[in-house]
Amino acid sequence: MKLIYFAPNLHYVGGLERTLTDKANYLVAKGHEVMFLTYNQGQNKVFYDLDSRVQQADVDCPVHTIYRQPFYARLGYYFQLKRQFKERVGRVLDEFRPDVIVITIPNTQDFILDMMEVAHDKKIVIESHLASIHHMTGKALTERLLSMLYPPNKAIRRSDLLIALTEHDADYWRKQRVPHVTVIPNPSTYYSDELKTVEKVNGRIICVGRLYFQKRFDRLIEAFSLIAAKYPEWTIDIFGGGSLKEELQGRIDQLGLTGRVRLMPPTHDIIREYHRSEFFVLSSDFEGFGLVIIEAMACGIPVVATDCPYGPSEIIEDGKTGLLAKMDAEDLAAKMEWMITHDDERQQMGLNAHQAAARYRSERVMSEWESAYQSVM
């Protein structure tokens, strides 16, 4: 099988980028030919380890730069990028001749129709990597205009298969009259039958994610401020980079949590950091799946997560492998405090979480993805 993954880039640090590189590595190891086709990679290095057999092509159509143009010039610039996209992608497809093209959404929705037009008779698989109810409608005026001109759902209905990560997301697409929908979770490339005996940092809570509005680290900081004075030995380390770093640091300082809540840079050895922590917190407004939840559980630490769409409630068994919180700072603080004050129960939850994470181990889930791609041929 010759397969192309179509995505904006691979230099960001996130669950989507990690999952795509892991799947590409798995497929080339199985003897398939795989290419990443990007439009905004530029000269940036791929963050996660990518097998040298995976081919790469970037067509250099950075659609995000539309907002650097004067408002009156944006549509013209947008159409120019779309023409360039079709010409350059057409050349790549003629040379590589893929059997299947995998399009990841929401981040490629500007070019979905163009890709399908250029792809002709190629089989198209759509992967939904974010809670659909949050990403299919643009909020900015320019985004709303472009969505009317190029409705993404219309293009998605023309695909041969749509793969959702959760049942809730799949239900949404079925209601949108997408004809072929299946559910496959993301794989966890790390899972050990025996938990590592790593010395923990006493009282350390870990969080992982881009410093971006969706992740709501402001909610996490607010929640911790409600209980921090009662538990002075407890701290939070947030691993990730992003545009909200200065704003979040300002809020940490304002609430008197300097040194208690630390913004840590992304790391290639996040597994070690999970093992060294007492429990994990996810404070998001929405998720596509929540790969970080699986990673933490696989390392034997329980999770406190907001019960947001979608993912947490389908992964966490509330009260057994972790705790689900309402999407407000007060309830998140209460659930974090429960974890802090129940040592024995927290450790048992970690063991339960480790057992539950076996469902997502790579060797099981990767074969499901491979079979799904082959099924459309």
Protein backbone atom coordinates (compact mmCIF):
# COMPACT_ATOMS: atom_id res chain seq x y z
CA MET A 1 0.00 0.00 0.00
CA LYS A 2 1.21 3.50 -0.88
CA LEU A 3 -0.20 6.05 1.53
CA ILE A 4 0.04 9.82 1.93
CA TYR A 5 -0.70 11.62 5.20
CA PHE A 6 -1.83 15.18 4.52
CA ALA A 7 -1.24 17.58 7.42
CA PRO A 8 -0.08 21.19 7.89
CA ASN A 9 3.28 20.33 9.44
CA LEU A 10 5.12 18.03 11.82
CA HIS A 11 7.21 20.47 13.82
CA TYR A 12 4.64 21.23 16.51
CA VAL A 13 4.64 19.27 19.78
CA GLY A 14 1.24 17.67 20.25
CA GLY A 15 -0.87 14.54 20.24
CA LEU A 16 -1.73 14.77 16.54
CA GLU A 17 1.89 15.07 15.46
CA ARG A 18 2.97 12.28 17.80
CA THR A 19 0.22 9.94 16.59
CA LEU A 20 0.86 10.57 12.90
CA THR A 21 4.60 9.96 13.17
CA ASP A 22 4.01 6.79 15.20
CA LYS A 23 1.56 5.45 12.60
CA ALA A 24 3.89 6.30 9.71
CA ASN A 25 6.78 4.54 11.45
CA TYR A 26 4.63 1.48 12.04
CA LEU A 27 3.42 1.30 8.44
CA VAL A 28 6.86 1.60 6.81
CA ALA A 29 8.13 -1.08 9.19
CA LYS A 30 5.32 -3.29 7.85
CA GLY A 31 6.55 -2.74 4.27
CA HIS A 32 4.16 0.01 3.14
CA GLU A 33 5.32 3.17 1.35
CA VAL A 34 4.42 6.30 3.30
CA MET A 35 4.77 10.00 2.58
CA PHE A 36 3.94 13.08 4.63
CA LEU A 37 2.53 15.82 2.44
CA THR A 38 2.54 19.14 4.31
CA TYR A 39 1.86 22.73 3.36
CA ASN A 40 3.42 24.63 6.25
CA GLN A 41 6.51 22.67 7.29
CA GLY A 42 9.07 24.97 5.73
CA GLN A 43 12.60 24.38 7.01
CA ASN A 44 11.42 23.30 10.45
CA LYS A 45 12.59 19.94 11.79
CA VAL A 46 10.13 17.18 12.60
CA PHE A 47 9.87 17.11 16.40
CA TYR A 48 9.19 13.41 16.96
CA ASP A 49 11.47 10.63 15.71
CA LEU A 50 10.50 9.78 12.13
CA ASP A 51 11.72 6.67 10.32
CA SER A 52 14.09 7.63 7.50
CA ARG A 53 12.04 5.51 5.10
CA VAL A 54 9.06 7.87 5.47
CA GLN A 55 9.16 10.34 2.59
CA GLN A 56 8.35 14.04 3.02
CA ALA A 57 7.09 16.73 0.67
CA ASP A 58 6.08 20.28 1.55
CA VAL A 59 4.17 22.44 -0.96
CA ASP A 60 4.78 25.71 0.93
CA CYS A 61 1.26 27.16 1.08
CA PRO A 62 1.15 28.74 4.58
CA VAL A 63 -2.53 29.59 4.78
CA HIS A 64 -2.14 31.03 8.29
CA THR A 65 -0.28 34.01 6.78
CA ILE A 66 -3.56 35.24 5.31
CA TYR A 67 -4.06 37.26 8.49
CA ARG A 68 -0.88 39.22 7.82
CA GLN A 69 -2.52 40.70 4.73
CA PRO A 70 -4.78 43.77 4.76
CA PHE A 71 -8.41 42.74 5.17
CA TYR A 72 -9.35 43.73 1.61
CA ALA A 73 -6.53 41.58 0.19
CA ARG A 74 -7.17 38.38 2.13
CA LEU A 75 -9.57 36.64 -0.26
CA GLY A 76 -7.30 37.31 -3.24
CA TYR A 77 -4.29 35.99 -1.36
CA TYR A 78 -6.29 32.96 -0.24
CA PHE A 79 -7.26 32.08 -3.83
CA GLN A 80 -3.64 32.48 -4.90
CA LEU A 81 -2.54 29.99 -2.25
CA LYS A 82 -5.22 27.54 -3.35
CA ARG A 83 -4.06 27.70 -6.98
CA GLN A 84 -0.48 27.10 -5.89
CA PHE A 85 -1.62 24.24 -3.70
CA LYS A 86 -3.39 22.38 -6.50
CA GLU A 87 -0.49 22.80 -8.91
CA ARG A 88 2.15 21.63 -6.45
CA VAL A 89 0.12 18.81 -4.92
CA GLY A 90 -0.76 17.57 -8.39
CA ARG A 91 2.94 17.15 -9.18
CA VAL A 92 3.54 15.25 -5.92
CA LEU A 93 0.63 12.88 -6.53
CA ASP A 94 1.69 12.22 -10.13
CA GLU A 95 5.14 11.22 -8.93
CA PHE A 96 4.24 9.24 -5.77
CA ARG A 97 0.95 7.73 -7.07
CA PRO A 98 -0.62 6.87 -3.70
CA ASP A 99 -3.35 4.29 -3.20
CA VAL A 100 -4.81 6.12 -0.20
CA ILE A 101 -4.68 9.75 0.93
CA VAL A 102 -5.32 10.37 4.63
CA ILE A 103 -6.56 13.88 5.44
CA THR A 104 -6.44 15.03 9.05
CA ILE A 105 -9.04 17.51 10.26
CA PRO A 106 -9.67 20.15 11.46
CA ASN A 107 -6.31 21.59 10.55
CA THR A 108 -6.51 20.91 6.80
CA GLN A 109 -10.07 22.03 6.16
CA ASP A 110 -8.96 25.00 3.99
CA PHE A 111 -7.63 22.57 1.39
CA ILE A 112 -9.94 19.54 1.64
CA LEU A 113 -11.92 20.31 -1.52
CA ASP A 114 -8.74 21.18 -3.41
CA MET A 115 -7.10 17.92 -2.37
CA MET A 116 -10.12 15.92 -3.49
CA GLU A 117 -10.21 17.75 -6.81
CA VAL A 118 -6.54 17.00 -7.48
CA ALA A 119 -6.69 13.44 -6.14
CA HIS A 120 -9.23 12.34 -8.78
CA ASP A 121 -9.75 8.58 -8.32
CA LYS A 122 -7.54 8.17 -5.24
CA LYS A 123 -9.16 6.77 -2.11
CA ILE A 124 -9.70 9.39 0.60
CA VAL A 125 -9.72 8.67 4.34
CA ILE A 126 -10.60 11.49 6.75
CA GLU A 127 -9.27 11.38 10.32
CA SER A 128 -11.13 13.54 12.86
CA HIS A 129 -8.63 14.63 15.51
CA LEU A 130 -10.60 17.23 17.45
CA ALA A 131 -14.07 17.55 18.95
CA SER A 132 -16.03 18.34 15.79
CA ILE A 133 -18.62 20.55 17.47
CA HIS A 134 -15.85 23.02 18.31
CA HIS A 135 -13.85 23.20 15.11
CA MET A 136 -16.12 23.13 12.09
CA THR A 137 -17.36 26.72 12.36
CA GLY A 138 -14.82 29.54 12.12
CA LYS A 139 -15.26 32.43 14.53
CA ALA A 140 -13.40 35.17 12.71
CA LEU A 141 -15.27 36.94 9.88
CA THR A 142 -12.77 35.81 7.27
CA GLU A 143 -13.07 32.20 8.47
CA ARG A 144 -16.87 32.37 8.28
CA LEU A 145 -16.74 33.70 4.71
CA LEU A 146 -14.31 30.99 3.65
CA SER A 147 -16.40 28.30 5.31
CA MET A 148 -19.40 29.43 3.25
CA LEU A 149 -17.35 29.37 0.05
CA TYR A 150 -15.73 26.02 0.84
CA PRO A 151 -18.00 24.14 3.27
CA PRO A 152 -15.79 21.45 4.84
CA ASN A 153 -18.66 19.07 5.64
CA LYS A 154 -19.57 18.92 1.95
CA ALA A 155 -16.07 17.73 1.15
CA ILE A 156 -15.95 15.28 4.04
CA ARG A 157 -19.13 13.55 2.83
CA ARG A 158 -17.26 12.66 -0.37
CA SER A 159 -14.61 10.68 1.49
CA ASP A 160 -14.41 6.89 1.32
CA LEU A 161 -14.06 6.54 5.09
CA LEU A 162 -14.09 8.81 8.14
CA ILE A 163 -12.26 7.59 11.23
CA ALA A 164 -13.28 9.17 14.53
CA LEU A 165 -11.33 8.69 17.74
CA THR A 166 -14.40 8.52 20.01
CA GLU A 167 -17.98 7.31 19.80
CA HIS A 168 -19.29 10.81 20.57
CA ASP A 169 -17.41 12.29 17.65
CA ALA A 170 -18.57 9.48 15.37
CA ASP A 171 -22.19 10.23 16.31
CA TYR A 172 -21.70 13.84 15.25
CA TRP A 173 -20.44 12.84 11.80
CA ARG A 174 -23.24 10.36 11.27
CA LYS A 175 -25.71 13.18 11.96
CA GLN A 176 -23.87 15.21 9.30
CA ARG A 177 -24.74 12.46 6.80
CA VAL A 178 -21.17 11.24 6.37
CA PRO A 179 -21.80 7.79 4.88
CA HIS A 180 -18.88 5.68 6.16
CA VAL A 181 -17.81 6.28 9.77
CA THR A 182 -15.81 4.03 12.08
CA VAL A 183 -14.15 4.51 15.47
CA ILE A 184 -10.50 3.70 16.24
CA PRO A 185 -8.72 5.22 19.25
CA ASN A 186 -5.23 6.63 19.14
CA PRO A 187 -2.48 4.19 20.11
CA SER A 188 -0.10 4.60 23.01
CA THR A 189 3.39 3.75 21.82
CA TYR A 190 4.47 3.31 25.43
CA TYR A 191 3.16 0.47 27.56
CA SER A 192 5.07 -1.83 29.88
CA ASP A 193 3.53 -4.87 31.56
CA GLU A 194 5.71 -4.11 34.57
CA LEU A 195 5.59 -0.61 36.00
CA LYS A 196 8.97 1.09 36.27
CA THR A 197 10.29 1.76 39.75
CA VAL A 198 11.14 5.41 39.27
CA GLU A 199 11.61 7.69 42.26
CA LYS A 200 8.76 10.15 42.34
CA VAL A 201 9.02 13.85 43.03
CA ASN A 202 6.95 14.07 46.20
CA GLY A 203 3.79 16.07 45.77
CA ARG A 204 4.28 16.65 42.06
CA ILE A 205 1.26 17.01 39.74
CA ILE A 206 1.96 16.84 36.01
CA CYS A 207 0.12 18.43 33.07
CA VAL A 208 1.04 18.16 29.38
CA GLY A 209 -0.19 20.17 26.41
CA ARG A 210 0.24 23.20 24.23
CA LEU A 211 -0.14 26.52 25.99
CA TYR A 212 -3.25 27.24 23.97
CA PHE A 213 -6.76 28.39 24.82
CA GLN A 214 -8.33 24.94 24.34
CA LYS A 215 -6.24 23.41 27.14
CA ARG A 216 -7.50 25.94 29.72
CA PHE A 217 -4.39 25.99 31.88
CA ASP A 218 -5.80 29.21 33.31
CA ARG A 219 -8.56 27.07 34.84
CA LEU A 220 -5.97 24.67 36.23
CA ILE A 221 -3.98 27.52 37.80
CA GLU A 222 -7.14 29.01 39.27
CA ALA A 223 -8.18 25.63 40.69
CA PHE A 224 -4.81 25.04 42.31
CA SER A 225 -4.86 28.52 43.86
CA LEU A 226 -7.98 27.47 45.80
CA ILE A 227 -6.15 24.65 47.61
CA ALA A 228 -2.44 25.47 47.35
CA ALA A 229 -2.15 27.10 50.80
CA LYS A 230 -3.49 23.94 52.48
CA TYR A 231 -0.89 21.70 50.80
CA PRO A 232 2.36 23.69 50.59
CA GLU A 233 4.44 20.64 49.63
CA TRP A 234 2.45 20.07 46.41
CA THR A 235 3.47 21.57 43.05
CA ILE A 236 2.41 21.48 39.41
CA ASP A 237 4.68 21.11 36.37
CA ILE A 238 3.09 21.97 33.00
CA PHE A 239 5.06 20.62 30.01
CA GLY A 240 4.45 22.41 26.72
CA GLY A 241 5.07 25.52 24.70
CA GLY A 242 2.77 28.01 23.05
CA SER A 243 1.49 31.53 22.61
CA LEU A 244 -0.06 31.84 26.09
CA LYS A 245 3.15 31.32 28.03
CA GLU A 246 3.59 34.94 29.16
CA GLU A 247 -0.10 35.32 30.00
CA LEU A 248 -0.13 32.14 32.07
CA GLN A 249 3.09 33.05 33.86
CA GLY A 250 1.57 36.42 34.72
CA ARG A 251 -1.46 34.69 36.23
CA ILE A 252 0.78 32.32 38.21
CA ASP A 253 2.69 35.26 39.65
CA GLN A 254 -0.49 37.23 40.35
CA LEU A 255 -1.94 34.36 42.41
CA GLY A 256 1.26 33.94 44.42
CA LEU A 257 2.06 30.55 42.88
CA THR A 258 5.51 31.38 41.54
CA GLY A 259 7.66 28.28 41.97
CA ARG A 260 4.59 26.20 42.85
CA VAL A 261 3.30 26.09 39.26
CA ARG A 262 6.08 25.84 36.69
CA LEU A 263 5.86 26.14 32.90
CA MET A 264 8.29 23.56 31.57
CA PRO A 265 9.54 23.25 27.95
CA PRO A 266 8.49 20.27 25.82
CA THR A 267 10.61 17.18 26.35
CA HIS A 268 11.40 14.11 24.27
CA ASP A 269 11.28 11.97 27.44
CA ILE A 270 7.81 12.81 28.73
CA ILE A 271 7.35 9.18 29.85
CA ARG A 272 10.00 9.67 32.53
CA GLU A 273 8.17 12.78 33.74
CA TYR A 274 4.89 10.89 34.04
CA HIS A 275 6.56 8.19 36.11
CA ARG A 276 8.05 10.79 38.46
CA SER A 277 4.64 12.37 39.19
CA GLU A 278 1.81 11.57 41.60
CA PHE A 279 -1.10 12.20 39.25
CA PHE A 280 -2.01 13.92 35.99
CA VAL A 281 -4.53 16.72 35.36
CA LEU A 282 -6.28 17.64 32.12
CA SER A 283 -8.23 20.91 32.29
CA SER A 284 -9.38 21.29 28.65
CA ASP A 285 -12.56 22.74 27.22
CA PHE A 286 -12.54 20.08 24.49
CA GLU A 287 -10.37 17.29 23.13
CA GLY A 288 -10.32 15.04 20.12
CA PHE A 289 -9.29 12.09 22.22
CA GLY A 290 -6.78 12.85 24.96
CA LEU A 291 -3.64 10.86 24.17
CA VAL A 292 -1.95 12.37 27.22
CA ILE A 293 -4.54 10.64 29.40
CA ILE A 294 -3.57 7.26 27.96
CA GLU A 295 0.14 8.01 28.35
CA ALA A 296 -0.30 8.92 32.01
CA MET A 297 -2.42 5.84 32.71
CA ALA A 298 0.13 3.61 30.96
CA CYS A 299 2.72 4.95 33.40
CA GLY A 300 0.56 3.95 36.35
CA ILE A 301 -0.63 7.36 37.50
CA PRO A 302 -4.32 8.28 37.82
CA VAL A 303 -5.92 11.21 36.02
CA VAL A 304 -8.14 14.10 37.02
CA ALA A 305 -9.83 15.44 33.87
CA THR A 306 -12.60 17.83 33.01
CA ASP A 307 -15.55 15.94 31.58
CA CYS A 308 -15.20 17.76 28.27
CA PRO A 309 -16.14 16.68 24.76
CA TYR A 310 -14.71 14.30 23.69
CA GLY A 311 -12.45 11.63 25.10
CA PRO A 312 -12.07 11.76 28.89
CA SER A 313 -15.37 10.09 29.72
CA GLU A 314 -14.69 7.31 27.20
CA ILE A 315 -11.22 6.62 28.61
CA ILE A 316 -11.53 7.22 32.36
CA GLU A 317 -13.73 5.09 34.58
CA ASP A 318 -14.74 7.71 37.12
CA GLY A 319 -13.70 6.71 40.63
CA LYS A 320 -11.66 3.71 39.45
CA THR A 321 -8.95 4.85 37.01
CA GLY A 322 -9.31 8.56 37.69
CA LEU A 323 -11.78 11.35 38.41
CA LEU A 324 -13.97 13.39 36.07
CA ALA A 325 -14.57 17.00 37.07
CA LYS A 326 -17.07 19.60 36.00
CA MET A 327 -15.70 22.26 33.71
CA ASP A 328 -15.15 24.85 36.41
CA ALA A 329 -12.25 25.70 38.72
CA GLU A 330 -14.09 24.85 41.94
CA ASP A 331 -14.93 21.26 41.05
CA LEU A 332 -11.53 20.71 39.45
CA ALA A 333 -9.94 21.91 42.71
CA ALA A 334 -12.14 19.54 44.71
CA LYS A 335 -11.11 16.55 42.60
CA MET A 336 -7.42 17.50 42.82
CA GLU A 337 -7.75 17.84 46.59
CA TRP A 338 -9.27 14.36 46.80
CA MET A 339 -6.25 12.95 44.99
CA ILE A 340 -3.89 14.83 47.30
CA THR A 341 -5.56 13.61 50.49
CA HIS A 342 -6.19 9.95 49.56
CA ASP A 343 -2.76 8.36 49.20
CA ASP A 344 -3.80 4.69 49.25
CA GLU A 345 -6.77 5.20 46.95
CA ARG A 346 -4.66 7.28 44.56
CA GLN A 347 -2.05 4.54 44.29
CA GLN A 348 -4.73 1.90 43.67
CA MET A 349 -6.26 4.14 40.99
CA GLY A 350 -2.84 4.27 39.34
CA LEU A 351 -2.68 0.47 39.22
CA ASN A 352 -6.20 0.33 37.81
CA ALA A 353 -5.29 2.97 35.23
CA HIS A 354 -2.25 1.00 34.12
CA GLN A 355 -4.35 -2.10 33.54
CA ALA A 356 -7.01 -0.13 31.63
CA ALA A 357 -4.38 1.48 29.37
CA ALA A 358 -3.51 -1.94 27.91
CA ARG A 359 -6.55 -1.49 25.64
CA TYR A 360 -4.62 1.21 23.76
CA ARG A 361 -1.22 -0.46 23.44
CA SER A 362 0.38 0.10 20.08
CA GLU A 363 0.55 -3.44 18.75
CA ARG A 364 -3.22 -3.78 19.13
CA VAL A 365 -4.45 -0.42 17.90
CA MET A 366 -1.98 0.06 15.04
CA SER A 367 -3.29 -3.04 13.27
CA GLU A 368 -6.80 -1.55 13.41
CA TRP A 369 -5.58 1.60 11.64
CA GLU A 370 -3.71 -0.44 9.02
CA SER A 371 -6.80 -2.57 8.32
CA ALA A 372 -8.98 0.54 8.02
CA TYR A 373 -6.70 2.07 5.38
CA GLN A 374 -6.57 -1.17 3.43
CA SER A 375 -10.35 -1.59 3.58
CA VAL A 376 -10.99 1.36 1.24
CA MET A 377 -8.78 -0.07 -1.50
